N, C-alpha and C. Protein backbone atom coordinates (compact mmCIF):
# COMPACT_ATOMS: atom_id res chain seq x y z
N MET A 1 5.70 -15.43 -0.86
CA MET A 1 5.94 -15.55 0.57
C MET A 1 5.48 -14.27 1.26
N CYS A 2 5.15 -14.40 2.52
CA CYS A 2 4.70 -13.27 3.33
C CYS A 2 5.82 -12.23 3.43
N ALA A 3 5.48 -10.97 3.22
CA ALA A 3 6.48 -9.89 3.25
C ALA A 3 6.99 -9.61 4.65
N ARG A 4 6.29 -10.06 5.69
CA ARG A 4 6.73 -9.81 7.06
C ARG A 4 7.50 -10.98 7.65
N CYS A 5 6.87 -12.14 7.72
CA CYS A 5 7.52 -13.29 8.40
C CYS A 5 8.41 -14.09 7.46
N ARG A 6 8.16 -14.01 6.17
CA ARG A 6 8.93 -14.74 5.15
C ARG A 6 8.93 -16.25 5.37
N CYS A 7 7.92 -16.75 6.10
CA CYS A 7 7.83 -18.19 6.38
C CYS A 7 6.63 -18.84 5.72
N LYS A 8 5.51 -18.11 5.67
CA LYS A 8 4.27 -18.67 5.15
C LYS A 8 3.95 -18.05 3.80
N LEU A 9 3.04 -18.69 3.09
CA LEU A 9 2.59 -18.15 1.81
C LEU A 9 1.72 -16.93 2.05
N SER A 10 1.86 -15.94 1.21
CA SER A 10 0.99 -14.77 1.32
C SER A 10 -0.36 -15.10 0.70
N VAL A 11 -1.41 -14.78 1.42
CA VAL A 11 -2.77 -15.07 0.94
C VAL A 11 -3.64 -13.82 0.91
N ILE A 12 -3.10 -12.70 1.43
CA ILE A 12 -3.85 -11.45 1.50
C ILE A 12 -2.99 -10.33 0.92
N VAL A 13 -3.61 -9.51 0.06
CA VAL A 13 -2.93 -8.32 -0.43
C VAL A 13 -3.20 -7.21 0.58
N ASP A 14 -2.13 -6.67 1.14
CA ASP A 14 -2.24 -5.66 2.20
C ASP A 14 -1.76 -4.31 1.69
N HIS A 15 -2.42 -3.25 2.13
CA HIS A 15 -1.96 -1.88 1.86
C HIS A 15 -0.98 -1.50 2.95
N ILE A 16 0.24 -1.15 2.58
CA ILE A 16 1.26 -0.77 3.55
C ILE A 16 0.78 0.46 4.32
N VAL A 17 0.40 1.50 3.61
CA VAL A 17 -0.30 2.64 4.20
C VAL A 17 -1.78 2.32 4.01
N PRO A 18 -2.60 2.40 5.05
CA PRO A 18 -4.02 2.02 4.92
C PRO A 18 -4.71 2.69 3.74
N ILE A 19 -5.65 1.96 3.16
CA ILE A 19 -6.29 2.38 1.92
C ILE A 19 -6.95 3.75 2.03
N GLY A 20 -7.60 4.03 3.14
CA GLY A 20 -8.25 5.33 3.31
C GLY A 20 -7.26 6.47 3.27
N VAL A 21 -6.12 6.29 3.91
CA VAL A 21 -5.07 7.31 3.92
C VAL A 21 -4.46 7.44 2.53
N ALA A 22 -4.24 6.32 1.86
CA ALA A 22 -3.64 6.33 0.53
C ALA A 22 -4.54 7.05 -0.47
N ILE A 23 -5.84 6.84 -0.38
CA ILE A 23 -6.78 7.50 -1.30
C ILE A 23 -6.75 9.01 -1.09
N VAL A 24 -6.76 9.44 0.17
CA VAL A 24 -6.72 10.88 0.47
C VAL A 24 -5.40 11.48 -0.03
N GLN A 25 -4.29 10.78 0.18
CA GLN A 25 -3.00 11.29 -0.29
C GLN A 25 -2.98 11.40 -1.82
N ALA A 26 -3.54 10.42 -2.50
CA ALA A 26 -3.57 10.45 -3.97
C ALA A 26 -4.44 11.60 -4.47
N GLN A 27 -5.58 11.82 -3.82
CA GLN A 27 -6.44 12.93 -4.23
C GLN A 27 -5.77 14.27 -3.97
N ASP A 28 -5.11 14.40 -2.84
CA ASP A 28 -4.44 15.66 -2.49
C ASP A 28 -3.23 15.94 -3.38
N SER A 29 -2.63 14.89 -3.93
CA SER A 29 -1.43 15.08 -4.76
C SER A 29 -1.75 15.75 -6.09
N GLY A 30 -2.97 15.59 -6.58
CA GLY A 30 -3.33 16.16 -7.87
C GLY A 30 -2.89 15.31 -9.05
N LEU A 31 -2.24 14.18 -8.81
CA LEU A 31 -1.77 13.32 -9.90
C LEU A 31 -2.89 12.48 -10.50
N TYR A 32 -3.91 12.22 -9.73
CA TYR A 32 -4.99 11.32 -10.15
C TYR A 32 -6.32 12.07 -10.10
N LYS A 33 -6.47 13.06 -10.94
CA LYS A 33 -7.64 13.93 -10.88
C LYS A 33 -8.95 13.24 -11.24
N MET A 34 -8.91 12.26 -12.11
CA MET A 34 -10.14 11.65 -12.61
C MET A 34 -10.51 10.35 -11.89
N ASP A 35 -9.69 9.87 -10.98
CA ASP A 35 -9.96 8.59 -10.34
C ASP A 35 -10.07 8.77 -8.83
N LYS A 36 -11.29 8.63 -8.30
CA LYS A 36 -11.48 8.87 -6.87
C LYS A 36 -10.95 7.74 -6.00
N TYR A 37 -10.59 6.59 -6.58
CA TYR A 37 -10.02 5.47 -5.83
C TYR A 37 -8.55 5.21 -6.21
N ALA A 38 -7.87 6.19 -6.75
CA ALA A 38 -6.52 6.00 -7.29
C ALA A 38 -5.54 5.47 -6.25
N GLY A 39 -5.59 5.95 -5.05
CA GLY A 39 -4.64 5.52 -4.03
C GLY A 39 -4.78 4.07 -3.63
N ALA A 40 -5.91 3.46 -3.96
CA ALA A 40 -6.14 2.07 -3.59
C ALA A 40 -5.30 1.11 -4.41
N TYR A 41 -4.88 1.53 -5.60
CA TYR A 41 -4.21 0.61 -6.52
C TYR A 41 -2.76 0.98 -6.83
N ILE A 42 -2.14 1.79 -6.00
CA ILE A 42 -0.73 2.12 -6.20
C ILE A 42 0.10 0.90 -5.83
N MET A 43 0.77 0.33 -6.82
CA MET A 43 1.47 -0.95 -6.63
C MET A 43 2.56 -0.89 -5.55
N SER A 44 3.23 0.24 -5.42
CA SER A 44 4.30 0.32 -4.42
C SER A 44 3.75 0.36 -3.00
N ASN A 45 2.42 0.45 -2.85
CA ASN A 45 1.79 0.45 -1.53
C ASN A 45 1.16 -0.90 -1.20
N LEU A 46 1.38 -1.90 -2.02
CA LEU A 46 0.79 -3.22 -1.79
C LEU A 46 1.86 -4.24 -1.44
N GLN A 47 1.49 -5.18 -0.56
CA GLN A 47 2.38 -6.27 -0.20
C GLN A 47 1.53 -7.50 0.11
N GLY A 48 2.11 -8.67 -0.04
CA GLY A 48 1.43 -9.91 0.29
C GLY A 48 1.76 -10.33 1.72
N LEU A 49 0.73 -10.69 2.47
CA LEU A 49 0.92 -11.14 3.85
C LEU A 49 0.14 -12.41 4.11
N CYS A 50 0.62 -13.19 5.07
CA CYS A 50 -0.14 -14.34 5.55
C CYS A 50 -1.22 -13.81 6.50
N ARG A 51 -2.17 -14.64 6.86
CA ARG A 51 -3.28 -14.18 7.71
C ARG A 51 -2.81 -13.71 9.09
N VAL A 52 -1.87 -14.41 9.69
CA VAL A 52 -1.39 -14.04 11.02
C VAL A 52 -0.71 -12.67 10.99
N CYS A 53 0.16 -12.46 10.03
CA CYS A 53 0.86 -11.17 9.92
C CYS A 53 -0.10 -10.05 9.55
N HIS A 54 -1.10 -10.34 8.71
CA HIS A 54 -2.07 -9.31 8.34
C HIS A 54 -2.88 -8.88 9.57
N ARG A 55 -3.27 -9.81 10.38
CA ARG A 55 -4.00 -9.49 11.60
C ARG A 55 -3.15 -8.61 12.52
N ALA A 56 -1.88 -8.97 12.69
CA ALA A 56 -0.97 -8.19 13.53
C ALA A 56 -0.76 -6.79 12.96
N LYS A 57 -0.58 -6.69 11.64
CA LYS A 57 -0.35 -5.38 11.03
C LYS A 57 -1.59 -4.50 11.12
N THR A 58 -2.77 -5.08 10.96
CA THR A 58 -4.00 -4.32 11.10
C THR A 58 -4.12 -3.73 12.51
N ASP A 59 -3.78 -4.52 13.51
CA ASP A 59 -3.80 -4.02 14.89
C ASP A 59 -2.79 -2.89 15.07
N GLU A 60 -1.60 -3.02 14.49
CA GLU A 60 -0.58 -1.97 14.56
C GLU A 60 -1.07 -0.70 13.86
N ASP A 61 -1.73 -0.86 12.71
CA ASP A 61 -2.24 0.29 11.96
C ASP A 61 -3.27 1.06 12.79
N LYS A 62 -4.10 0.35 13.53
CA LYS A 62 -5.13 0.99 14.35
C LYS A 62 -4.51 1.80 15.48
N ARG A 63 -3.35 1.37 15.97
CA ARG A 63 -2.66 2.08 17.06
C ARG A 63 -1.71 3.16 16.55
N HIS A 64 -1.55 3.27 15.24
CA HIS A 64 -0.59 4.21 14.64
C HIS A 64 -0.94 5.64 15.00
N SER A 65 0.07 6.43 15.30
CA SER A 65 -0.13 7.87 15.50
C SER A 65 0.93 8.60 14.69
N GLY A 66 0.59 9.81 14.28
CA GLY A 66 1.54 10.59 13.49
C GLY A 66 1.27 10.47 12.00
N GLN A 67 2.21 10.97 11.23
CA GLN A 67 2.09 11.00 9.77
C GLN A 67 2.37 9.62 9.17
N TRP A 68 1.64 9.32 8.11
CA TRP A 68 1.92 8.14 7.30
C TRP A 68 2.88 8.54 6.20
N PRO A 69 3.69 7.60 5.70
CA PRO A 69 4.55 7.91 4.55
C PRO A 69 3.69 8.29 3.34
N ASP A 70 4.21 9.14 2.48
CA ASP A 70 3.50 9.59 1.30
C ASP A 70 3.57 8.52 0.21
N VAL A 71 2.42 7.91 -0.11
CA VAL A 71 2.40 6.83 -1.09
C VAL A 71 2.67 7.34 -2.51
N CYS A 72 2.29 8.57 -2.80
CA CYS A 72 2.51 9.11 -4.15
C CYS A 72 3.99 9.39 -4.38
N ALA A 73 4.68 9.90 -3.38
CA ALA A 73 6.11 10.15 -3.52
C ALA A 73 6.86 8.84 -3.67
N LYS A 74 6.46 7.83 -2.90
CA LYS A 74 7.10 6.52 -2.99
C LYS A 74 6.86 5.91 -4.37
N ASP A 75 5.65 6.10 -4.91
CA ASP A 75 5.33 5.53 -6.21
C ASP A 75 6.13 6.19 -7.33
N THR A 76 6.37 7.48 -7.24
CA THR A 76 7.14 8.15 -8.30
C THR A 76 8.60 7.71 -8.28
N LEU A 77 9.10 7.27 -7.12
CA LEU A 77 10.49 6.81 -7.02
C LEU A 77 10.65 5.33 -7.37
N ALA A 78 9.55 4.58 -7.32
CA ALA A 78 9.62 3.14 -7.58
C ALA A 78 9.91 2.88 -9.06
N PRO A 79 10.75 1.88 -9.37
CA PRO A 79 11.01 1.56 -10.78
C PRO A 79 9.74 1.04 -11.43
N LYS A 80 9.53 1.43 -12.65
CA LYS A 80 8.32 1.03 -13.38
C LYS A 80 8.63 -0.16 -14.28
N LYS A 81 7.68 -1.07 -14.36
CA LYS A 81 7.78 -2.22 -15.24
C LYS A 81 7.48 -1.76 -16.66
N VAL A 82 8.31 -2.09 -17.59
CA VAL A 82 8.08 -1.76 -18.98
C VAL A 82 7.54 -3.01 -19.66
N TRP A 83 6.38 -2.89 -20.23
CA TRP A 83 5.72 -4.02 -20.87
C TRP A 83 5.96 -3.99 -22.37
N PHE A 84 6.29 -5.14 -22.94
CA PHE A 84 6.44 -5.27 -24.38
C PHE A 84 5.48 -6.35 -24.86
N PHE A 85 4.74 -6.04 -25.90
CA PHE A 85 3.79 -7.02 -26.45
C PHE A 85 4.13 -7.33 -27.88
């Protein structure tokens, strides 16, 4: 379900903090030294949205002013999935 409206199916994976900002934050953090696109794939920065909500959020992101939340700090606090094979 869409993370914003909770009414429609999510069809788009959205970056909560825009991808360009997330990549710069990841590079500046020093945690991802070998991956120049590391901030693009931080799971705690992704959400599923329907097309209508994604369009609205994109417009809001373009009007955003000020600091964005730190995606690397949020990722270190997020619980990690432990995989067993």
